[in-house]
N, C-alpha and C. Protein backbone atom coordinates (compact mmCIF):
# COMPACT_ATOMS: atom_id res chain seq x y z
N UNK A 1 -205.75 -49.60 5.16
CA UNK A 1 -204.54 -48.97 5.89
C UNK A 1 -204.48 -47.30 5.27
N UNK A 2 -205.40 -47.12 4.05
CA UNK A 2 -205.56 -45.59 3.40
C UNK A 2 -206.45 -44.99 3.38
N UNK A 3 -207.10 -45.39 4.26
CA UNK A 3 -208.51 -44.19 4.79
C UNK A 3 -208.46 -43.49 5.73
N UNK A 4 -207.30 -43.64 7.12
CA UNK A 4 -207.32 -43.19 8.04
C UNK A 4 -206.34 -42.75 8.99
N UNK A 5 -206.11 -41.77 9.21
CA UNK A 5 -204.82 -41.08 10.05
C UNK A 5 -204.36 -42.24 11.03
N UNK A 6 -205.54 -42.75 11.94
CA UNK A 6 -205.44 -44.05 12.74
C UNK A 6 -206.53 -45.19 12.57
N UNK A 7 -205.98 -46.26 13.13
CA UNK A 7 -206.49 -47.31 12.47
C UNK A 7 -207.17 -48.19 13.95
N UNK A 8 -208.12 -49.06 14.18
CA UNK A 8 -208.43 -49.59 15.18
C UNK A 8 -208.64 -51.34 14.77
N UNK A 9 -207.73 -51.79 15.21
CA UNK A 9 -207.86 -53.30 15.06
C UNK A 9 -208.36 -54.31 15.58
N UNK A 10 -209.59 -54.94 15.63
CA UNK A 10 -210.11 -56.11 16.49
C UNK A 10 -210.48 -57.10 16.03
N UNK A 11 -210.95 -57.92 17.12
CA UNK A 11 -210.80 -58.91 16.50
C UNK A 11 -211.80 -59.67 17.46
N UNK A 12 -213.07 -60.70 17.35
CA UNK A 12 -214.00 -61.05 18.42
C UNK A 12 -214.71 -59.38 19.55
N UNK A 13 -214.82 -58.37 18.71
CA UNK A 13 -214.86 -57.69 19.23
C UNK A 13 -214.15 -56.86 20.76
N UNK A 14 -212.84 -57.43 20.61
CA UNK A 14 -212.06 -56.80 21.41
C UNK A 14 -211.12 -55.87 20.29
N UNK A 15 -210.88 -54.93 20.95
CA UNK A 15 -209.63 -53.98 20.57
C UNK A 15 -208.54 -54.80 20.81
N UNK A 16 -207.53 -55.15 19.63
CA UNK A 16 -206.33 -55.53 19.43
C UNK A 16 -204.93 -54.34 19.42
N UNK A 17 -205.54 -53.04 18.79
CA UNK A 17 -204.17 -52.52 19.22
C UNK A 17 -204.71 -51.24 18.25
N UNK A 18 -204.56 -50.11 18.24
CA UNK A 18 -204.98 -48.86 17.68
C UNK A 18 -203.83 -48.03 17.71
N UNK A 19 -203.42 -47.17 16.60
CA UNK A 19 -202.42 -46.52 16.20
C UNK A 19 -202.86 -46.10 14.57
N UNK A 20 -201.31 -45.16 14.28
CA UNK A 20 -201.25 -44.89 12.82
C UNK A 20 -201.10 -46.49 11.78
N UNK A 21 -201.41 -46.32 10.58
CA UNK A 21 -201.50 -47.72 10.16
C UNK A 21 -200.35 -47.66 9.66
N UNK A 22 -199.25 -47.02 9.46
CA UNK A 22 -197.75 -47.99 9.38
C UNK A 22 -197.45 -48.19 10.71
N UNK A 23 -197.08 -47.73 11.76
CA UNK A 23 -197.25 -48.24 12.90
C UNK A 23 -197.53 -49.47 13.30
N UNK A 24 -199.02 -50.07 13.08
CA UNK A 24 -199.28 -51.19 13.34
C UNK A 24 -199.13 -52.08 11.91
N UNK A 25 -198.51 -51.53 11.19
CA UNK A 25 -198.00 -52.62 10.45
C UNK A 25 -196.37 -52.79 10.26
N UNK A 26 -195.72 -52.57 11.14
CA UNK A 26 -194.50 -52.34 11.31
C UNK A 26 -193.92 -53.00 12.84
N UNK A 27 -194.94 -52.23 13.91
CA UNK A 27 -194.62 -53.04 15.02
C UNK A 27 -196.25 -53.60 15.63
N UNK A 28 -196.70 -54.81 14.93
CA UNK A 28 -197.77 -55.51 15.28
C UNK A 28 -197.40 -55.40 16.60
N UNK A 29 -198.75 -55.23 17.46
CA UNK A 29 -199.16 -55.74 18.75
C UNK A 29 -199.00 -56.90 19.20
N UNK A 30 -199.89 -58.07 18.58
CA UNK A 30 -199.92 -59.42 18.45
C UNK A 30 -199.71 -60.10 17.15
N UNK A 31 -199.85 -61.77 17.16
CA UNK A 31 -199.91 -62.45 16.01
C UNK A 31 -201.13 -62.09 14.53
N UNK A 32 -202.61 -61.93 15.32
CA UNK A 32 -203.07 -61.82 14.40
C UNK A 32 -203.16 -60.69 13.98
N UNK A 33 -203.14 -59.52 14.38
CA UNK A 33 -202.64 -57.77 13.61
C UNK A 33 -201.14 -58.14 12.61
N UNK A 34 -200.06 -58.93 13.12
CA UNK A 34 -199.76 -58.66 12.20
C UNK A 34 -199.88 -59.72 10.90
N UNK A 35 -200.72 -60.85 10.95
CA UNK A 35 -201.78 -61.22 10.18
C UNK A 35 -202.36 -60.74 9.33
N UNK A 36 -202.96 -59.98 10.64
CA UNK A 36 -204.65 -58.84 9.71
C UNK A 36 -203.86 -57.57 8.86
N UNK A 37 -202.47 -57.04 8.87
CA UNK A 37 -202.76 -56.03 7.95
C UNK A 37 -201.49 -56.25 7.25
N UNK A 38 -201.63 -55.91 6.23
CA UNK A 38 -200.75 -56.20 4.84
C UNK A 38 -200.62 -57.20 4.20
N UNK A 39 -200.13 -57.28 2.74
CA UNK A 39 -200.64 -58.30 1.69
C UNK A 39 -199.40 -58.77 0.92
N UNK A 40 -198.93 -59.95 0.28
CA UNK A 40 -199.28 -60.79 1.39
C UNK A 40 -199.42 -60.89 2.46
N UNK A 41 -200.12 -61.69 3.31
CA UNK A 41 -199.62 -62.02 5.23
C UNK A 41 -198.51 -61.72 5.33
N UNK A 42 -198.60 -61.79 6.66
CA UNK A 42 -197.02 -62.04 7.52
C UNK A 42 -196.60 -63.72 7.14
N UNK A 43 -195.11 -64.29 7.05
CA UNK A 43 -195.38 -65.48 7.08
C UNK A 43 -194.79 -65.69 8.68
N UNK A 44 -195.58 -67.05 9.33
CA UNK A 44 -195.29 -67.46 10.74
C UNK A 44 -194.41 -68.59 10.66
N UNK A 45 -193.70 -68.78 11.22
CA UNK A 45 -192.17 -69.92 11.15
C UNK A 45 -192.20 -70.25 12.39
N UNK A 46 -192.88 -71.59 13.01
CA UNK A 46 -192.59 -72.25 14.05
C UNK A 46 -191.33 -72.42 14.46
N UNK A 47 -190.51 -71.72 15.26
CA UNK A 47 -189.06 -72.17 16.23
C UNK A 47 -189.27 -72.12 16.99
N UNK A 48 -187.93 -72.64 17.47
CA UNK A 48 -187.51 -73.02 18.93
C UNK A 48 -186.30 -72.09 19.50
N UNK A 49 -186.10 -71.25 20.62
CA UNK A 49 -185.24 -70.34 20.55
C UNK A 49 -184.09 -71.47 21.42
N UNK A 50 -182.73 -71.01 21.38
CA UNK A 50 -181.77 -71.35 21.77
C UNK A 50 -180.29 -70.84 21.30
N UNK A 51 -179.49 -70.53 22.56
CA UNK A 51 -178.45 -70.15 22.57
C UNK A 51 -176.95 -70.83 22.64
N UNK A 52 -176.13 -70.17 21.85
CA UNK A 52 -175.14 -70.56 21.77
C UNK A 52 -173.75 -70.05 21.85
N UNK A 53 -173.17 -70.33 22.58
CA UNK A 53 -171.68 -69.44 22.91
C UNK A 53 -172.30 -67.91 23.01
N UNK A 54 -173.54 -67.59 23.87
CA UNK A 54 -173.83 -66.06 24.12
C UNK A 54 -174.27 -65.90 23.54
N UNK A 55 -174.66 -66.03 21.94
CA UNK A 55 -175.55 -65.70 20.70
C UNK A 55 -177.02 -66.54 20.86
N UNK A 56 -178.18 -65.59 20.59
CA UNK A 56 -179.69 -66.81 20.85
C UNK A 56 -179.88 -66.87 19.44
N UNK A 57 -180.45 -68.06 18.69
CA UNK A 57 -180.99 -68.21 17.64
C UNK A 57 -182.14 -68.80 17.49
N UNK A 58 -182.95 -68.62 16.43
CA UNK A 58 -184.00 -69.27 16.41
C UNK A 58 -183.69 -70.24 15.45
N UNK A 59 -184.21 -71.22 15.48
CA UNK A 59 -184.30 -72.80 14.59
C UNK A 59 -185.36 -73.29 14.63
N UNK A 60 -185.16 -73.84 13.19
CA UNK A 60 -186.33 -75.10 12.81
C UNK A 60 -185.87 -75.83 11.50
N UNK A 61 -186.54 -76.62 11.23
CA UNK A 61 -186.17 -77.79 10.31
C UNK A 61 -185.48 -76.95 8.67
N UNK A 62 -184.08 -76.79 8.77
CA UNK A 62 -183.77 -76.05 8.02
C UNK A 62 -183.36 -74.85 7.81
N UNK A 63 -183.58 -74.06 8.71
CA UNK A 63 -183.66 -72.48 9.05
C UNK A 63 -182.77 -72.30 10.50
N UNK A 64 -182.14 -71.47 10.70
CA UNK A 64 -181.31 -71.36 11.63
C UNK A 64 -180.64 -69.97 11.84
N UNK A 65 -181.14 -68.78 12.46
CA UNK A 65 -181.55 -67.33 12.51
C UNK A 65 -180.52 -66.73 13.41
N UNK A 66 -179.99 -65.79 13.68
CA UNK A 66 -179.34 -65.31 14.60
C UNK A 66 -180.46 -63.93 14.95
N UNK A 67 -180.51 -64.18 15.98
CA UNK A 67 -181.59 -62.89 16.54
C UNK A 67 -180.71 -61.67 16.59
N UNK A 68 -181.66 -60.73 15.91
CA UNK A 68 -180.80 -59.07 15.57
C UNK A 68 -180.81 -58.72 17.66
N UNK A 69 -179.26 -58.03 17.73
CA UNK A 69 -179.60 -57.87 19.36
C UNK A 69 -180.63 -57.06 19.98
N UNK A 70 -181.28 -55.93 19.42
CA UNK A 70 -182.20 -55.72 19.71
C UNK A 70 -183.08 -56.13 20.41
N UNK A 71 -183.58 -57.51 19.83
CA UNK A 71 -184.59 -58.62 20.22
C UNK A 71 -183.94 -59.68 21.17
N UNK A 72 -182.75 -60.28 21.13
CA UNK A 72 -182.14 -61.23 21.95
C UNK A 72 -182.72 -61.29 23.68
N UNK A 73 -182.44 -59.79 24.01
CA UNK A 73 -182.75 -59.69 25.89
C UNK A 73 -183.70 -60.43 25.86
N UNK A 74 -185.55 -59.62 25.39
CA UNK A 74 -186.41 -60.33 25.23
C UNK A 74 -186.18 -61.73 25.02
N UNK A 75 -185.87 -62.04 24.38
CA UNK A 75 -185.97 -63.98 24.00
C UNK A 75 -185.33 -64.81 24.67
N UNK A 76 -184.10 -64.32 26.05
CA UNK A 76 -183.82 -65.18 26.92
C UNK A 76 -184.48 -65.76 27.41
N UNK A 77 -185.92 -65.66 28.19
CA UNK A 77 -186.68 -65.95 28.76
C UNK A 77 -186.63 -66.96 27.93
N UNK A 78 -187.24 -67.62 26.60
CA UNK A 78 -187.70 -68.50 26.18
C UNK A 78 -186.91 -69.15 25.64
N UNK A 79 -185.47 -69.25 26.24
CA UNK A 79 -184.75 -70.24 25.56
C UNK A 79 -185.06 -71.67 25.95
N UNK A 80 -184.64 -72.63 24.70
CA UNK A 80 -185.45 -73.99 24.69
C UNK A 80 -186.80 -73.70 24.45
N UNK A 81 -187.74 -72.92 23.91
CA UNK A 81 -188.96 -73.07 23.83
C UNK A 81 -189.36 -72.93 22.55
N UNK A 82 -190.38 -73.04 22.31
CA UNK A 82 -190.98 -72.77 20.86
C UNK A 82 -191.39 -71.23 21.19
N UNK A 83 -191.90 -70.74 20.27
CA UNK A 83 -191.96 -69.58 20.08
C UNK A 83 -192.61 -69.28 18.39
N UNK A 84 -193.16 -68.07 17.79
CA UNK A 84 -193.13 -68.00 16.17
C UNK A 84 -192.15 -67.05 15.42
N UNK A 85 -191.79 -66.99 15.15
CA UNK A 85 -191.23 -66.23 13.96
C UNK A 85 -192.11 -65.43 13.04
N UNK A 86 -192.12 -63.96 13.03
CA UNK A 86 -192.48 -63.58 11.68
C UNK A 86 -191.91 -62.77 10.64
N UNK A 87 -192.48 -62.91 9.57
CA UNK A 87 -191.68 -62.33 8.83
C UNK A 87 -192.21 -61.37 7.56
N UNK A 88 -192.69 -60.53 7.07
CA UNK A 88 -193.07 -60.02 6.07
C UNK A 88 -192.33 -60.69 4.65
N UNK A 89 -193.38 -60.90 3.53
CA UNK A 89 -192.96 -61.08 2.44
C UNK A 89 -191.57 -59.90 2.03
N UNK A 90 -191.67 -59.21 2.13
CA UNK A 90 -190.95 -58.15 1.26
C UNK A 90 -189.74 -57.74 2.26
N UNK A 91 -189.89 -58.57 3.55
CA UNK A 91 -188.81 -58.31 4.33
C UNK A 91 -187.93 -59.34 4.32
N UNK A 92 -187.89 -60.44 3.53
CA UNK A 92 -186.99 -61.65 2.49
C UNK A 92 -186.43 -61.31 1.18
N UNK A 93 -185.09 -61.40 1.30
CA UNK A 93 -184.56 -60.96 -0.02
C UNK A 93 -183.78 -62.00 -0.81
N UNK A 94 -183.48 -62.27 -2.24
CA UNK A 94 -182.62 -62.95 -2.51
C UNK A 94 -181.52 -62.86 -1.93
N UNK A 95 -180.54 -64.26 -1.49
CA UNK A 95 -179.50 -63.95 -1.11
C UNK A 95 -178.22 -63.61 -1.86
N UNK A 96 -177.02 -63.41 -1.33
CA UNK A 96 -176.21 -63.84 -2.03
C UNK A 96 -174.96 -64.04 -1.20
N UNK A 97 -173.95 -64.63 -1.61
CA UNK A 97 -172.82 -64.99 -0.86
C UNK A 97 -172.23 -64.04 0.04
N UNK A 98 -172.39 -62.90 -0.27
CA UNK A 98 -172.07 -61.78 0.42
C UNK A 98 -172.68 -62.06 1.87
N UNK A 99 -174.13 -62.58 2.15
CA UNK A 99 -174.83 -62.68 3.56
C UNK A 99 -174.44 -63.59 4.50
N UNK A 100 -174.72 -63.11 5.41
CA UNK A 100 -173.90 -63.80 6.57
C UNK A 100 -174.99 -65.09 6.83
N UNK A 101 -174.43 -66.66 6.96
CA UNK A 101 -175.12 -67.80 6.77
C UNK A 101 -176.02 -67.86 8.38
N UNK A 102 -175.84 -66.38 9.19
CA UNK A 102 -176.95 -66.55 10.16
C UNK A 102 -177.81 -65.81 9.78
N UNK A 103 -178.18 -65.59 8.73
CA UNK A 103 -179.63 -64.33 8.23
C UNK A 103 -179.81 -64.95 6.53
N UNK A 104 -179.62 -66.00 6.67
CA UNK A 104 -179.83 -66.80 5.30
C UNK A 104 -180.33 -68.03 5.46
N UNK A 105 -180.62 -68.50 4.32
CA UNK A 105 -181.00 -70.14 4.35
C UNK A 105 -181.49 -70.80 2.87
N UNK A 106 -181.04 -71.77 2.75
CA UNK A 106 -181.48 -72.41 1.50
C UNK A 106 -183.30 -72.96 1.20
N UNK A 107 -183.71 -72.56 0.43
CA UNK A 107 -185.17 -73.49 0.03
C UNK A 107 -185.54 -73.71 -0.88
N UNK A 108 -186.09 -74.04 -1.70
CA UNK A 108 -186.79 -74.87 -3.35
C UNK A 108 -187.90 -74.04 -3.25
N UNK A 109 -187.93 -73.46 -4.35
CA UNK A 109 -188.69 -72.92 -5.37
C UNK A 109 -190.04 -73.82 -5.29
N UNK A 110 -191.51 -73.35 -4.53
CA UNK A 110 -192.93 -73.75 -5.07
C UNK A 110 -193.40 -73.76 -6.01
N UNK A 111 -193.46 -71.99 -5.99
CA UNK A 111 -194.18 -71.12 -7.05
C UNK A 111 -194.13 -69.96 -7.54
N UNK A 112 -193.58 -69.40 -8.44
CA UNK A 112 -193.56 -68.74 -9.25
C UNK A 112 -194.62 -67.40 -9.79
N UNK A 113 -194.59 -66.10 -8.87
CA UNK A 113 -196.17 -65.65 -9.29
C UNK A 113 -195.47 -63.99 -9.89
N UNK A 114 -195.57 -64.28 -11.48
CA UNK A 114 -195.27 -63.10 -11.68
C UNK A 114 -195.84 -61.57 -11.46
N UNK A 115 -196.05 -60.39 -10.94
CA UNK A 115 -196.74 -59.52 -10.88
C UNK A 115 -196.53 -58.21 -11.73
N UNK A 116 -195.27 -58.29 -12.57
CA UNK A 116 -194.94 -57.37 -13.51
C UNK A 116 -193.77 -56.54 -12.73
N UNK A 117 -194.21 -55.37 -11.57
CA UNK A 117 -193.15 -54.39 -10.77
C UNK A 117 -192.55 -55.44 -9.78
N UNK A 118 -193.40 -57.08 -9.48
CA UNK A 118 -192.36 -57.65 -8.71
C UNK A 118 -192.98 -59.44 -8.55
N UNK A 119 -192.32 -60.03 -7.67
CA UNK A 119 -192.27 -61.66 -8.32
C UNK A 119 -192.52 -61.35 -6.55
N UNK A 120 -193.80 -62.58 -6.43
CA UNK A 120 -194.02 -63.68 -5.65
C UNK A 120 -193.80 -65.23 -5.18
N UNK A 121 -192.77 -65.28 -4.90
CA UNK A 121 -191.88 -66.44 -4.61
C UNK A 121 -192.61 -67.53 -3.20
N UNK A 122 -193.23 -68.46 -3.77
CA UNK A 122 -193.53 -69.77 -2.40
C UNK A 122 -192.57 -70.42 -2.51
N UNK A 123 -191.96 -70.28 -1.63
CA UNK A 123 -190.43 -70.95 -1.22
C UNK A 123 -190.84 -72.22 -0.32
N UNK A 124 -190.33 -73.59 -0.37
CA UNK A 124 -190.23 -74.13 0.88
C UNK A 124 -188.66 -74.15 1.84
N UNK A 125 -188.91 -74.32 3.11
CA UNK A 125 -187.48 -74.35 3.70
C UNK A 125 -187.91 -75.13 4.85
N UNK A 126 -187.67 -76.77 5.43
CA UNK A 126 -187.84 -77.30 6.25
C UNK A 126 -189.16 -77.48 6.06
N UNK A 127 -190.22 -77.89 5.10
CA UNK A 127 -191.22 -78.78 5.03
C UNK A 127 -192.54 -77.05 5.53
N UNK A 128 -191.90 -75.96 5.50
CA UNK A 128 -192.74 -75.10 5.78
C UNK A 128 -192.20 -73.99 4.36
N UNK A 129 -193.99 -73.15 4.38
CA UNK A 129 -194.53 -71.93 2.88
C UNK A 129 -194.18 -71.16 3.43
N UNK A 130 -193.28 -70.45 2.66
CA UNK A 130 -192.97 -69.26 2.74
C UNK A 130 -192.77 -68.53 1.76
N UNK A 131 -193.92 -67.47 1.88
CA UNK A 131 -193.54 -66.02 0.56
C UNK A 131 -192.94 -64.95 0.76
N UNK A 132 -192.25 -64.97 -0.34
CA UNK A 132 -191.38 -63.89 -0.39
C UNK A 132 -191.59 -62.83 -1.58
N UNK A 133 -191.26 -61.88 -1.65
CA UNK A 133 -191.97 -60.73 -2.50
C UNK A 133 -190.24 -60.12 -2.82
N UNK A 134 -190.12 -60.31 -4.43
CA UNK A 134 -188.75 -60.10 -5.14
C UNK A 134 -188.52 -59.08 -6.00
N UNK A 135 -187.38 -58.58 -6.25
CA UNK A 135 -187.63 -57.85 -7.45
C UNK A 135 -188.09 -58.33 -9.06
N UNK A 136 -188.97 -58.03 -9.98
CA UNK A 136 -189.14 -58.94 -11.18
C UNK A 136 -187.90 -59.48 -12.22
N UNK A 137 -186.68 -58.80 -11.49
CA UNK A 137 -185.29 -59.21 -12.41
C UNK A 137 -184.90 -60.84 -11.99
N UNK A 138 -185.58 -61.50 -10.46
CA UNK A 138 -184.99 -62.66 -10.31
C UNK A 138 -185.39 -63.45 -11.37
N UNK A 139 -184.74 -64.49 -11.57
CA UNK A 139 -184.82 -65.53 -12.65
C UNK A 139 -185.12 -66.80 -11.03
N UNK A 140 -186.14 -67.46 -11.33
CA UNK A 140 -186.50 -68.48 -10.75
C UNK A 140 -187.39 -69.70 -10.94
N UNK A 141 -187.40 -70.74 -10.97
CA UNK A 141 -188.05 -71.67 -11.47
C UNK A 141 -188.87 -72.85 -10.54
N UNK A 142 -189.87 -73.64 -10.54
CA UNK A 142 -190.03 -73.92 -9.71
C UNK A 142 -189.29 -75.53 -9.40
N UNK A 143 -188.69 -75.77 -8.21
CA UNK A 143 -188.35 -76.77 -7.86
C UNK A 143 -186.43 -76.54 -7.97
N UNK A 144 -186.13 -75.27 -8.27
CA UNK A 144 -185.24 -74.89 -7.72
C UNK A 144 -184.69 -74.21 -6.65
N UNK A 145 -182.85 -74.62 -6.17
CA UNK A 145 -182.81 -74.15 -4.91
C UNK A 145 -182.89 -72.88 -5.21
N UNK A 146 -183.37 -72.19 -4.02
CA UNK A 146 -182.43 -70.34 -3.84
C UNK A 146 -181.98 -70.06 -2.12
N UNK A 147 -181.47 -69.25 -2.43
CA UNK A 147 -181.09 -69.25 -1.17
C UNK A 147 -181.67 -67.62 -0.86
N UNK A 148 -182.33 -67.77 0.31
CA UNK A 148 -182.80 -66.23 0.69
C UNK A 148 -182.36 -65.74 2.19
N UNK A 149 -182.62 -64.53 2.13
CA UNK A 149 -182.29 -63.73 3.47
C UNK A 149 -183.25 -62.58 3.93
N UNK A 150 -182.92 -63.11 5.76
CA UNK A 150 -183.78 -61.96 5.97
C UNK A 150 -183.23 -60.34 6.39
N UNK A 151 -183.78 -59.62 6.47
CA UNK A 151 -183.57 -57.77 6.52
C UNK A 151 -184.00 -58.43 8.46
N UNK A 152 -182.55 -58.20 8.90
CA UNK A 152 -182.49 -58.77 10.54
C UNK A 152 -184.06 -58.10 11.38
N UNK A 153 -183.51 -56.40 10.90
CA UNK A 153 -184.50 -55.28 11.87
C UNK A 153 -185.92 -55.69 11.72
N UNK A 154 -186.47 -56.48 10.55
CA UNK A 154 -187.89 -56.28 10.37
C UNK A 154 -188.18 -58.01 11.05
N UNK A 155 -187.48 -58.77 11.57
CA UNK A 155 -187.94 -60.08 12.04
C UNK A 155 -188.74 -59.78 13.51
N UNK A 156 -190.19 -60.17 13.63
CA UNK A 156 -190.94 -60.06 14.40
C UNK A 156 -190.58 -61.55 15.18
N UNK A 157 -190.75 -61.69 16.96
CA UNK A 157 -191.29 -63.14 17.37
C UNK A 157 -192.50 -62.59 17.99
N UNK A 158 -193.07 -63.96 18.24
CA UNK A 158 -195.03 -63.81 18.73
C UNK A 158 -194.59 -65.13 20.12
N UNK A 159 -195.22 -64.62 21.14
CA UNK A 159 -194.88 -66.18 22.16
C UNK A 159 -196.32 -67.08 21.64
N UNK A 160 -196.00 -68.48 21.35
CA UNK A 160 -196.90 -69.28 21.17
C UNK A 160 -198.25 -69.16 21.88
N UNK A 161 -198.04 -68.98 23.14
CA UNK A 161 -199.47 -69.34 23.72
C UNK A 161 -200.54 -67.88 23.81
N UNK A 162 -199.80 -66.87 24.37
CA UNK A 162 -200.60 -65.59 24.08
C UNK A 162 -200.33 -65.05 22.85
N UNK A 163 -200.21 -65.78 21.70
CA UNK A 163 -200.00 -64.40 21.04
C UNK A 163 -198.88 -63.12 20.67
N UNK A 164 -199.02 -62.51 21.91
CA UNK A 164 -198.39 -61.28 21.60
C UNK A 164 -196.63 -61.15 21.52
N UNK A 165 -196.31 -59.95 20.83
CA UNK A 165 -194.89 -59.51 20.10
C UNK A 165 -193.94 -59.82 21.30
N UNK A 166 -192.89 -60.08 21.21
CA UNK A 166 -192.07 -60.59 22.39
C UNK A 166 -191.10 -59.30 22.08
N UNK A 167 -190.77 -58.59 23.11
CA UNK A 167 -190.26 -57.14 22.76
C UNK A 167 -188.88 -57.77 23.54
């Protein structure tokens, strides 16, 4: 991402996306591009899209996330269907009591990897492993429960069949 002003991401000889590095990072065209760009890679969580009282939710075991309004319209045709939720490790943060329960979840810490300027936490939610990049001041130990929260505008959704981003 640091070598050029435009990047071409290819898979099996086919162009997947062309654009500026940060554009591709922030708005990947599909699941392959999302997983290819960034380190650690984007987390992918299988979820089902449901509607409750006019509000769209992405749900999985141990997880219920209110879909941001700007993405809800694109997900309405997927009600009752499985999609893939994508979230980058840096777009998850340690939650607090002030966080809406619609954007937070409880998890169990599996691995703590201190890197000096940051900590990578591998957490488990509903049997799914998720990597979170958090501040170095976070005190977490393996097997402890921790509350994590999504940065809602940074959540991505991908079609499970085509792997294209759902807009």
